[in-house]
N, C-alpha and C. Protein backbone atom coordinates (compact mmCIF):
# COMPACT_ATOMS: atom_id res chain seq x y z
N MET A 1 -113.56 212.64 133.72
CA MET A 1 -112.37 212.87 134.51
C MET A 1 -111.65 214.15 134.07
N ARG A 2 -111.62 214.38 132.74
CA ARG A 2 -110.96 215.58 132.22
C ARG A 2 -111.68 216.83 132.74
N THR A 3 -112.98 216.81 132.77
CA THR A 3 -113.77 217.93 133.28
C THR A 3 -113.41 218.22 134.73
N PHE A 4 -113.19 217.17 135.49
CA PHE A 4 -112.83 217.33 136.90
C PHE A 4 -111.52 218.11 137.02
N TYR A 5 -110.51 217.78 136.20
CA TYR A 5 -109.22 218.47 136.25
C TYR A 5 -109.35 219.93 135.81
N ILE A 6 -110.17 220.17 134.83
CA ILE A 6 -110.38 221.55 134.38
C ILE A 6 -111.01 222.37 135.50
N ILE A 7 -111.96 221.80 136.20
CA ILE A 7 -112.61 222.49 137.31
C ILE A 7 -111.61 222.77 138.42
N ILE A 8 -110.77 221.79 138.74
CA ILE A 8 -109.75 221.95 139.78
C ILE A 8 -108.79 223.09 139.40
N VAL A 9 -108.31 223.10 138.16
CA VAL A 9 -107.40 224.15 137.71
C VAL A 9 -108.09 225.51 137.81
N PHE A 10 -109.33 225.59 137.39
CA PHE A 10 -110.07 226.84 137.47
C PHE A 10 -110.19 227.32 138.92
N VAL A 11 -110.51 226.43 139.83
CA VAL A 11 -110.65 226.79 141.24
C VAL A 11 -109.32 227.27 141.80
N ILE A 12 -108.24 226.59 141.48
CA ILE A 12 -106.92 227.00 141.97
C ILE A 12 -106.55 228.38 141.45
N ILE A 13 -106.75 228.61 140.18
CA ILE A 13 -106.43 229.91 139.58
C ILE A 13 -107.28 231.01 140.20
N SER A 14 -108.55 230.73 140.43
CA SER A 14 -109.44 231.78 140.94
C SER A 14 -109.15 232.17 142.38
N VAL A 15 -108.46 231.33 143.14
CA VAL A 15 -108.18 231.68 144.54
C VAL A 15 -106.75 232.18 144.75
N LEU A 16 -105.94 232.20 143.70
CA LEU A 16 -104.60 232.74 143.85
C LEU A 16 -104.68 234.22 144.22
N PRO A 17 -103.85 234.67 145.13
CA PRO A 17 -103.96 236.04 145.65
C PRO A 17 -103.45 237.11 144.69
N GLY A 18 -104.32 237.58 143.80
CA GLY A 18 -104.03 238.75 142.98
C GLY A 18 -102.93 238.61 141.95
N LYS A 19 -102.41 237.44 141.71
CA LYS A 19 -101.31 237.28 140.77
C LYS A 19 -101.80 237.07 139.35
N VAL A 20 -102.98 236.56 139.19
CA VAL A 20 -103.52 236.31 137.86
C VAL A 20 -104.48 237.45 137.53
N ILE A 21 -104.21 238.11 136.41
CA ILE A 21 -105.06 239.22 135.99
C ILE A 21 -105.80 238.77 134.73
N SER A 22 -107.09 238.82 134.79
CA SER A 22 -107.89 238.40 133.64
C SER A 22 -107.92 239.49 132.58
N GLN A 23 -108.33 239.10 131.39
CA GLN A 23 -108.47 240.08 130.30
C GLN A 23 -109.52 241.12 130.67
N THR A 24 -110.54 240.71 131.40
CA THR A 24 -111.57 241.65 131.84
C THR A 24 -110.97 242.71 132.75
N ASP A 25 -110.08 242.30 133.67
CA ASP A 25 -109.43 243.27 134.55
C ASP A 25 -108.59 244.25 133.76
N VAL A 26 -107.85 243.74 132.75
CA VAL A 26 -107.02 244.61 131.92
C VAL A 26 -107.90 245.62 131.20
N ASN A 27 -108.98 245.14 130.58
CA ASN A 27 -109.87 246.06 129.87
C ASN A 27 -110.49 247.08 130.82
N GLU A 28 -110.83 246.66 132.02
CA GLU A 28 -111.40 247.59 133.00
C GLU A 28 -110.41 248.69 133.34
N HIS A 29 -109.12 248.34 133.50
CA HIS A 29 -108.09 249.35 133.77
C HIS A 29 -107.99 250.32 132.59
N VAL A 30 -108.05 249.78 131.40
CA VAL A 30 -107.95 250.63 130.21
C VAL A 30 -109.15 251.57 130.13
N TYR A 31 -110.34 251.04 130.27
CA TYR A 31 -111.54 251.89 130.21
C TYR A 31 -111.55 252.94 131.31
N ASN A 32 -111.10 252.57 132.50
CA ASN A 32 -111.02 253.55 133.59
C ASN A 32 -110.02 254.64 133.26
N TYR A 33 -108.89 254.25 132.67
CA TYR A 33 -107.87 255.23 132.28
C TYR A 33 -108.45 256.20 131.25
N ILE A 34 -109.10 255.65 130.23
CA ILE A 34 -109.68 256.49 129.18
C ILE A 34 -110.69 257.46 129.78
N GLU A 35 -111.56 256.94 130.61
CA GLU A 35 -112.58 257.78 131.25
C GLU A 35 -111.94 258.90 132.08
N LYS A 36 -110.89 258.58 132.77
CA LYS A 36 -110.23 259.55 133.65
C LYS A 36 -109.50 260.64 132.87
N PHE A 37 -108.92 260.29 131.71
CA PHE A 37 -108.04 261.24 131.02
C PHE A 37 -108.56 261.75 129.68
N LYS A 38 -109.74 261.32 129.24
CA LYS A 38 -110.23 261.74 127.92
C LYS A 38 -110.44 263.25 127.84
N GLU A 39 -110.97 263.86 128.89
CA GLU A 39 -111.20 265.31 128.87
C GLU A 39 -109.88 266.08 128.80
N ILE A 40 -108.89 265.60 129.54
CA ILE A 40 -107.58 266.25 129.50
C ILE A 40 -106.98 266.14 128.10
N ALA A 41 -107.08 264.95 127.49
CA ALA A 41 -106.54 264.75 126.14
C ALA A 41 -107.28 265.64 125.13
N MET A 42 -108.59 265.76 125.28
CA MET A 42 -109.34 266.61 124.35
C MET A 42 -108.99 268.09 124.55
N ASN A 43 -108.80 268.51 125.79
CA ASN A 43 -108.37 269.89 126.04
C ASN A 43 -107.01 270.16 125.44
N GLN A 44 -106.11 269.20 125.57
CA GLN A 44 -104.77 269.35 124.99
C GLN A 44 -104.85 269.46 123.47
N MET A 45 -105.77 268.71 122.86
CA MET A 45 -105.95 268.80 121.41
C MET A 45 -106.44 270.18 121.02
N MET A 46 -107.39 270.73 121.78
CA MET A 46 -107.92 272.07 121.48
C MET A 46 -106.83 273.13 121.60
N ILE A 47 -105.97 272.99 122.60
CA ILE A 47 -104.94 274.00 122.85
C ILE A 47 -103.74 273.84 121.92
N TYR A 48 -103.25 272.61 121.77
CA TYR A 48 -101.98 272.38 121.08
C TYR A 48 -102.08 271.69 119.73
N GLY A 49 -103.20 271.01 119.45
CA GLY A 49 -103.37 270.38 118.15
C GLY A 49 -102.93 268.93 118.05
N VAL A 50 -102.45 268.36 119.14
CA VAL A 50 -102.08 266.94 119.11
C VAL A 50 -103.38 266.14 119.28
N PRO A 51 -103.70 265.25 118.32
CA PRO A 51 -104.96 264.52 118.41
C PRO A 51 -105.15 263.81 119.75
N ALA A 52 -106.35 263.92 120.29
CA ALA A 52 -106.67 263.28 121.57
C ALA A 52 -106.48 261.77 121.50
N SER A 53 -106.80 261.18 120.35
CA SER A 53 -106.65 259.72 120.19
C SER A 53 -105.19 259.32 120.34
N ILE A 54 -104.30 260.08 119.75
CA ILE A 54 -102.86 259.80 119.83
C ILE A 54 -102.38 259.97 121.27
N THR A 55 -102.79 261.07 121.90
CA THR A 55 -102.37 261.33 123.27
C THR A 55 -102.85 260.22 124.20
N LEU A 56 -104.11 259.84 124.09
CA LEU A 56 -104.64 258.77 124.95
C LEU A 56 -103.94 257.44 124.68
N ALA A 57 -103.73 257.11 123.41
CA ALA A 57 -103.07 255.84 123.07
C ALA A 57 -101.63 255.82 123.61
N GLN A 58 -100.93 256.94 123.47
CA GLN A 58 -99.57 257.00 124.02
C GLN A 58 -99.59 256.89 125.53
N GLY A 59 -100.52 257.58 126.17
CA GLY A 59 -100.64 257.49 127.62
C GLY A 59 -100.92 256.07 128.08
N LEU A 60 -101.85 255.41 127.40
CA LEU A 60 -102.17 254.01 127.73
C LEU A 60 -100.95 253.12 127.58
N LEU A 61 -100.28 253.26 126.45
CA LEU A 61 -99.14 252.40 126.13
C LEU A 61 -97.95 252.68 127.04
N GLU A 62 -97.58 253.94 127.16
CA GLU A 62 -96.38 254.30 127.91
C GLU A 62 -96.53 254.10 129.41
N SER A 63 -97.76 254.24 129.92
CA SER A 63 -97.96 254.15 131.37
C SER A 63 -98.59 252.83 131.82
N GLY A 64 -98.84 251.93 130.88
CA GLY A 64 -99.52 250.70 131.25
C GLY A 64 -100.88 251.00 131.87
N SER A 65 -101.63 251.88 131.22
CA SER A 65 -102.94 252.33 131.71
C SER A 65 -102.84 252.97 133.09
N GLY A 66 -101.74 253.68 133.31
CA GLY A 66 -101.54 254.38 134.58
C GLY A 66 -101.00 253.52 135.69
N LYS A 67 -100.61 252.28 135.38
CA LYS A 67 -100.17 251.33 136.42
C LYS A 67 -98.65 251.13 136.45
N SER A 68 -97.92 251.76 135.54
CA SER A 68 -96.46 251.58 135.54
C SER A 68 -95.83 252.27 136.74
N ASP A 69 -94.64 251.84 137.11
CA ASP A 69 -93.92 252.47 138.21
C ASP A 69 -93.70 253.96 137.94
N LEU A 70 -93.37 254.29 136.69
CA LEU A 70 -93.11 255.68 136.33
C LEU A 70 -94.38 256.54 136.50
N ALA A 71 -95.51 256.01 136.11
CA ALA A 71 -96.76 256.75 136.28
C ALA A 71 -97.12 256.89 137.75
N LEU A 72 -96.94 255.82 138.50
CA LEU A 72 -97.31 255.83 139.92
C LEU A 72 -96.35 256.66 140.77
N GLN A 73 -95.04 256.60 140.47
CA GLN A 73 -94.05 257.31 141.29
C GLN A 73 -93.80 258.74 140.84
N ALA A 74 -93.99 259.01 139.54
CA ALA A 74 -93.60 260.32 139.02
C ALA A 74 -94.71 261.00 138.21
N ASN A 75 -95.90 260.43 138.16
CA ASN A 75 -96.99 260.98 137.34
C ASN A 75 -96.57 261.17 135.89
N ASN A 76 -95.60 260.39 135.44
CA ASN A 76 -95.10 260.48 134.07
C ASN A 76 -95.82 259.42 133.24
N HIS A 77 -96.75 259.88 132.40
CA HIS A 77 -97.57 258.96 131.61
C HIS A 77 -97.05 258.74 130.20
N PHE A 78 -95.95 259.41 129.84
CA PHE A 78 -95.48 259.34 128.46
C PHE A 78 -94.02 258.94 128.33
N GLY A 79 -93.39 258.56 129.42
CA GLY A 79 -92.00 258.12 129.36
C GLY A 79 -91.03 259.20 128.94
N ILE A 80 -91.37 260.46 129.20
CA ILE A 80 -90.49 261.55 128.79
C ILE A 80 -89.32 261.62 129.75
N LYS A 81 -88.13 261.58 129.16
CA LYS A 81 -86.89 261.58 129.94
C LYS A 81 -86.38 263.00 130.13
N CYS A 82 -85.43 263.13 131.04
CA CYS A 82 -84.67 264.36 131.19
C CYS A 82 -83.20 263.96 131.20
N LYS A 83 -82.34 264.93 130.92
CA LYS A 83 -80.91 264.64 130.78
C LYS A 83 -80.30 264.08 132.06
N SER A 84 -80.64 264.68 133.18
CA SER A 84 -80.13 264.22 134.47
C SER A 84 -81.07 264.70 135.56
N GLU A 85 -80.84 264.27 136.75
CA GLU A 85 -81.71 264.66 137.85
C GLU A 85 -81.75 266.17 138.05
N GLY A 86 -80.66 266.86 137.71
CA GLY A 86 -80.58 268.28 137.99
C GLY A 86 -81.22 269.19 136.96
N THR A 87 -81.43 268.70 135.71
CA THR A 87 -81.92 269.59 134.66
C THR A 87 -83.41 269.87 134.77
N VAL A 88 -84.17 268.90 135.11
CA VAL A 88 -85.61 269.02 135.30
C VAL A 88 -85.90 268.16 136.50
N LYS A 89 -86.88 268.55 137.29
CA LYS A 89 -87.23 267.70 138.41
C LYS A 89 -87.47 266.30 137.87
N GLY A 90 -86.67 265.36 138.31
CA GLY A 90 -86.74 264.04 137.72
C GLY A 90 -86.63 262.92 138.73
N ILE A 91 -86.70 261.72 138.19
CA ILE A 91 -86.60 260.52 138.98
C ILE A 91 -85.70 259.55 138.22
N ALA A 92 -84.78 258.94 138.92
CA ALA A 92 -83.88 257.98 138.30
C ALA A 92 -84.50 256.59 138.37
N ILE A 93 -84.48 255.89 137.26
CA ILE A 93 -84.99 254.53 137.21
C ILE A 93 -83.95 253.68 136.50
N LEU A 94 -83.65 252.53 137.07
CA LEU A 94 -82.70 251.61 136.46
C LEU A 94 -83.35 250.98 135.24
N GLU A 95 -82.72 251.20 134.09
CA GLU A 95 -83.26 250.68 132.84
C GLU A 95 -82.09 250.17 132.01
N ASN A 96 -82.17 248.94 131.59
CA ASN A 96 -81.09 248.32 130.81
C ASN A 96 -79.74 248.45 131.53
N GLY A 97 -79.77 248.28 132.84
CA GLY A 97 -78.54 248.27 133.62
C GLY A 97 -77.94 249.62 133.92
N LYS A 98 -78.60 250.72 133.55
CA LYS A 98 -78.07 252.04 133.87
C LYS A 98 -79.20 252.95 134.31
N ASN A 99 -78.83 253.98 135.06
CA ASN A 99 -79.83 254.93 135.52
C ASN A 99 -80.29 255.81 134.35
N GLU A 100 -81.58 255.86 134.17
CA GLU A 100 -82.21 256.76 133.20
C GLU A 100 -83.01 257.75 134.01
N TYR A 101 -82.99 259.00 133.61
CA TYR A 101 -83.70 260.03 134.34
C TYR A 101 -84.97 260.42 133.59
N TYR A 102 -86.07 260.33 134.30
CA TYR A 102 -87.37 260.65 133.73
C TYR A 102 -87.95 261.86 134.45
N ARG A 103 -88.72 262.63 133.71
CA ARG A 103 -89.35 263.80 134.30
C ARG A 103 -90.37 263.36 135.35
N LYS A 104 -90.45 264.16 136.40
CA LYS A 104 -91.39 263.91 137.48
C LYS A 104 -92.37 265.08 137.52
N TYR A 105 -93.66 264.75 137.64
CA TYR A 105 -94.71 265.76 137.61
C TYR A 105 -95.50 265.74 138.91
N SER A 106 -96.10 266.87 139.21
CA SER A 106 -96.93 266.95 140.42
C SER A 106 -98.30 266.31 140.19
N SER A 107 -98.69 266.17 138.91
CA SER A 107 -99.98 265.55 138.59
C SER A 107 -99.91 264.92 137.20
N ALA A 108 -100.84 264.04 136.94
CA ALA A 108 -100.93 263.44 135.61
C ALA A 108 -101.30 264.50 134.58
N GLU A 109 -102.14 265.45 134.97
CA GLU A 109 -102.52 266.52 134.05
C GLU A 109 -101.29 267.31 133.60
N GLU A 110 -100.36 267.55 134.52
CA GLU A 110 -99.11 268.24 134.18
C GLU A 110 -98.31 267.41 133.16
N SER A 111 -98.33 266.09 133.32
CA SER A 111 -97.64 265.21 132.38
C SER A 111 -98.28 265.31 130.99
N TYR A 112 -99.60 265.35 130.93
CA TYR A 112 -100.30 265.48 129.65
C TYR A 112 -99.94 266.80 128.97
N LYS A 113 -99.92 267.87 129.74
CA LYS A 113 -99.57 269.18 129.17
C LYS A 113 -98.13 269.17 128.66
N ASP A 114 -97.21 268.61 129.43
CA ASP A 114 -95.81 268.56 129.02
C ASP A 114 -95.65 267.71 127.76
N HIS A 115 -96.42 266.65 127.65
CA HIS A 115 -96.38 265.80 126.45
C HIS A 115 -96.72 266.63 125.21
N SER A 116 -97.79 267.41 125.29
CA SER A 116 -98.18 268.26 124.16
C SER A 116 -97.10 269.29 123.85
N GLN A 117 -96.58 269.92 124.89
CA GLN A 117 -95.54 270.93 124.69
C GLN A 117 -94.25 270.30 124.15
N PHE A 118 -93.96 269.09 124.59
CA PHE A 118 -92.80 268.36 124.08
C PHE A 118 -92.91 268.19 122.57
N ILE A 119 -94.08 267.81 122.10
CA ILE A 119 -94.27 267.56 120.67
C ILE A 119 -94.29 268.86 119.87
N ILE A 120 -94.93 269.90 120.37
CA ILE A 120 -95.03 271.13 119.56
C ILE A 120 -93.76 271.96 119.55
N THR A 121 -92.82 271.68 120.46
CA THR A 121 -91.60 272.50 120.52
C THR A 121 -90.38 271.83 119.91
N ARG A 122 -90.50 270.61 119.45
CA ARG A 122 -89.36 269.91 118.87
C ARG A 122 -89.50 269.86 117.35
N PRO A 123 -88.55 270.42 116.63
CA PRO A 123 -88.65 270.49 115.16
C PRO A 123 -88.90 269.14 114.49
N ARG A 124 -88.42 268.08 115.06
CA ARG A 124 -88.60 266.77 114.41
C ARG A 124 -90.06 266.35 114.32
N TYR A 125 -90.94 267.00 115.11
CA TYR A 125 -92.36 266.68 115.08
C TYR A 125 -93.20 267.70 114.31
N PHE A 126 -92.60 268.79 113.84
CA PHE A 126 -93.37 269.87 113.21
C PHE A 126 -94.22 269.37 112.04
N PHE A 127 -93.71 268.43 111.24
CA PHE A 127 -94.44 267.95 110.07
C PHE A 127 -95.77 267.29 110.43
N LEU A 128 -95.89 266.82 111.66
CA LEU A 128 -97.13 266.17 112.07
C LEU A 128 -98.32 267.12 112.01
N PHE A 129 -98.08 268.40 112.23
CA PHE A 129 -99.16 269.36 112.28
C PHE A 129 -99.67 269.75 110.89
N ASP A 130 -99.02 269.21 109.85
CA ASP A 130 -99.54 269.36 108.49
C ASP A 130 -100.54 268.24 108.18
N LEU A 131 -100.61 267.24 109.04
CA LEU A 131 -101.52 266.12 108.84
C LEU A 131 -102.91 266.45 109.35
N ASN A 132 -103.88 265.77 108.80
CA ASN A 132 -105.26 265.90 109.28
C ASN A 132 -105.31 265.39 110.72
N PRO A 133 -105.89 266.14 111.64
CA PRO A 133 -105.92 265.71 113.03
C PRO A 133 -106.76 264.45 113.28
N THR A 134 -107.59 264.06 112.30
CA THR A 134 -108.35 262.81 112.45
C THR A 134 -107.64 261.63 111.79
N ASP A 135 -106.49 261.87 111.18
CA ASP A 135 -105.73 260.80 110.53
C ASP A 135 -104.74 260.21 111.52
N TYR A 136 -105.27 259.45 112.47
CA TYR A 136 -104.43 258.89 113.53
C TYR A 136 -103.40 257.90 113.01
N VAL A 137 -103.66 257.26 111.87
CA VAL A 137 -102.70 256.32 111.30
C VAL A 137 -101.43 257.08 110.88
N SER A 138 -101.62 258.18 110.17
CA SER A 138 -100.46 258.98 109.74
C SER A 138 -99.75 259.60 110.93
N TRP A 139 -100.50 260.04 111.93
CA TRP A 139 -99.90 260.59 113.14
C TRP A 139 -99.06 259.53 113.85
N ALA A 140 -99.58 258.33 113.99
CA ALA A 140 -98.85 257.26 114.67
C ALA A 140 -97.58 256.90 113.90
N LYS A 141 -97.69 256.79 112.59
CA LYS A 141 -96.50 256.49 111.77
C LYS A 141 -95.50 257.65 111.84
N GLY A 142 -96.02 258.87 111.88
CA GLY A 142 -95.16 260.04 111.98
C GLY A 142 -94.39 260.10 113.29
N LEU A 143 -95.06 259.76 114.39
CA LEU A 143 -94.36 259.71 115.68
C LEU A 143 -93.23 258.70 115.65
N LYS A 144 -93.50 257.56 115.05
CA LYS A 144 -92.46 256.53 114.94
C LYS A 144 -91.30 257.04 114.07
N LYS A 145 -91.65 257.63 112.93
CA LYS A 145 -90.64 258.16 112.00
C LYS A 145 -89.78 259.24 112.67
N ALA A 146 -90.41 260.06 113.51
CA ALA A 146 -89.70 261.16 114.18
C ALA A 146 -88.87 260.67 115.37
N GLY A 147 -89.01 259.41 115.72
CA GLY A 147 -88.18 258.84 116.78
C GLY A 147 -88.73 258.96 118.18
N TYR A 148 -90.06 259.06 118.31
CA TYR A 148 -90.62 259.17 119.66
C TYR A 148 -90.26 257.96 120.51
N ALA A 149 -90.28 256.78 119.92
CA ALA A 149 -89.98 255.54 120.66
C ALA A 149 -89.07 254.66 119.83
N THR A 150 -88.35 253.79 120.49
CA THR A 150 -87.42 252.90 119.78
C THR A 150 -88.07 251.60 119.32
N ASN A 151 -89.23 251.27 119.83
CA ASN A 151 -89.91 250.05 119.43
C ASN A 151 -90.30 250.15 117.96
N PRO A 152 -89.81 249.23 117.11
CA PRO A 152 -90.12 249.31 115.69
C PRO A 152 -91.61 249.11 115.38
N ASN A 153 -92.36 248.60 116.32
CA ASN A 153 -93.78 248.35 116.14
C ASN A 153 -94.65 249.41 116.83
N TYR A 154 -94.02 250.49 117.29
CA TYR A 154 -94.71 251.51 118.09
C TYR A 154 -95.97 252.03 117.42
N HIS A 155 -95.87 252.39 116.16
CA HIS A 155 -97.02 252.94 115.45
C HIS A 155 -98.18 251.95 115.39
N ASN A 156 -97.87 250.67 115.17
CA ASN A 156 -98.92 249.66 115.12
C ASN A 156 -99.59 249.47 116.48
N LEU A 157 -98.81 249.58 117.55
CA LEU A 157 -99.38 249.47 118.90
C LEU A 157 -100.36 250.62 119.16
N LEU A 158 -99.97 251.82 118.76
CA LEU A 158 -100.86 252.98 118.93
C LEU A 158 -102.13 252.81 118.11
N ILE A 159 -101.95 252.44 116.85
CA ILE A 159 -103.11 252.27 115.96
C ILE A 159 -104.05 251.20 116.51
N GLY A 160 -103.48 250.12 117.01
CA GLY A 160 -104.30 249.04 117.58
C GLY A 160 -105.12 249.51 118.77
N LEU A 161 -104.51 250.29 119.65
CA LEU A 161 -105.24 250.82 120.81
C LEU A 161 -106.34 251.79 120.37
N ILE A 162 -106.03 252.63 119.42
CA ILE A 162 -107.01 253.61 118.94
C ILE A 162 -108.22 252.91 118.33
N LYS A 163 -107.96 251.89 117.52
CA LYS A 163 -109.06 251.14 116.90
C LYS A 163 -109.85 250.34 117.94
N LYS A 164 -109.15 249.62 118.78
CA LYS A 164 -109.81 248.74 119.75
C LYS A 164 -110.72 249.51 120.70
N TYR A 165 -110.25 250.67 121.16
CA TYR A 165 -111.01 251.43 122.14
C TYR A 165 -111.73 252.65 121.54
N LYS A 166 -111.73 252.71 120.19
CA LYS A 166 -112.43 253.77 119.47
C LYS A 166 -112.04 255.18 119.95
N LEU A 167 -110.76 255.36 120.17
CA LEU A 167 -110.25 256.64 120.67
C LEU A 167 -110.40 257.76 119.64
N TYR A 168 -110.55 257.42 118.36
CA TYR A 168 -110.72 258.41 117.30
C TYR A 168 -111.98 259.25 117.51
N VAL A 169 -112.93 258.73 118.27
CA VAL A 169 -114.16 259.47 118.57
C VAL A 169 -113.84 260.79 119.26
N TYR A 170 -112.82 260.82 120.10
CA TYR A 170 -112.48 262.04 120.84
C TYR A 170 -111.92 263.12 119.93
N ASP A 171 -111.21 262.73 118.87
CA ASP A 171 -110.73 263.71 117.89
C ASP A 171 -111.93 264.38 117.21
N LYS A 172 -112.89 263.56 116.82
CA LYS A 172 -114.07 264.09 116.14
C LYS A 172 -114.90 264.98 117.06
N LEU A 173 -114.97 264.62 118.33
CA LEU A 173 -115.68 265.46 119.31
C LEU A 173 -115.04 266.84 119.42
N VAL A 174 -113.73 266.86 119.50
CA VAL A 174 -113.02 268.14 119.61
C VAL A 174 -113.26 268.98 118.37
N LEU A 175 -113.15 268.37 117.20
CA LEU A 175 -113.34 269.12 115.97
C LEU A 175 -114.78 269.62 115.84
N SER A 176 -115.75 268.81 116.25
CA SER A 176 -117.15 269.27 116.17
C SER A 176 -117.40 270.40 117.16
N GLN A 177 -116.78 270.35 118.34
CA GLN A 177 -116.91 271.44 119.30
C GLN A 177 -116.30 272.71 118.75
N SER A 178 -115.18 272.56 118.07
CA SER A 178 -114.48 273.71 117.49
C SER A 178 -115.34 274.35 116.40
N ILE A 179 -115.96 273.53 115.57
CA ILE A 179 -116.82 274.04 114.50
C ILE A 179 -118.04 274.74 115.10
N ASN A 180 -118.64 274.13 116.11
CA ASN A 180 -119.80 274.75 116.77
C ASN A 180 -119.42 276.08 117.41
N TYR A 181 -118.24 276.15 118.00
CA TYR A 181 -117.76 277.38 118.64
C TYR A 181 -117.59 278.48 117.58
N GLN A 182 -116.97 278.10 116.45
CA GLN A 182 -116.74 279.09 115.38
C GLN A 182 -118.07 279.57 114.80
N ASN A 183 -119.06 278.68 114.70
CA ASN A 183 -120.37 279.07 114.16
C ASN A 183 -121.10 280.00 115.12
N ASP A 184 -120.80 279.88 116.42
CA ASP A 184 -121.44 280.73 117.40
C ASP A 184 -120.88 282.16 117.40
N LEU A 185 -119.69 282.33 116.81
CA LEU A 185 -119.07 283.67 116.81
C LEU A 185 -119.74 284.62 115.89
């Protein structure tokens, strides 16, 4: 009899219209996101020095794998705010009962570029560039220390994503390409 109820519950859940998202669906969104943006993240690492693993993990986390309202409405994959609607092309979103203004981009690639420029132009992040670019743990802790996000667990969330999806591989790819390029000169 218990088996019968389990089967009934399974059938009901499986026919619900799109409200139940399986872990497989979540992982598929994540893998699709990584596949779509890994080249952009690696290019940003080559140009600006922000590790691709960190950029991808932040993009995944901040944009909900590209599914957040901010990513969909404003191509903003990193939650970068602006002071008001008039200072930078932005979008107002109600957050914690008040309007917060977020930067709006014409493309996700523009958001990735702005993320790198945001980090390299703010003095509070300068110390990160003294770290080894493959030391994603120190980079994640450094971002938290520098105040990138208010979540006290932010660094652990980034580290978890990097480990789970092996995002550190992209840092090593960029560095090996850089070494090969220098050897070719």
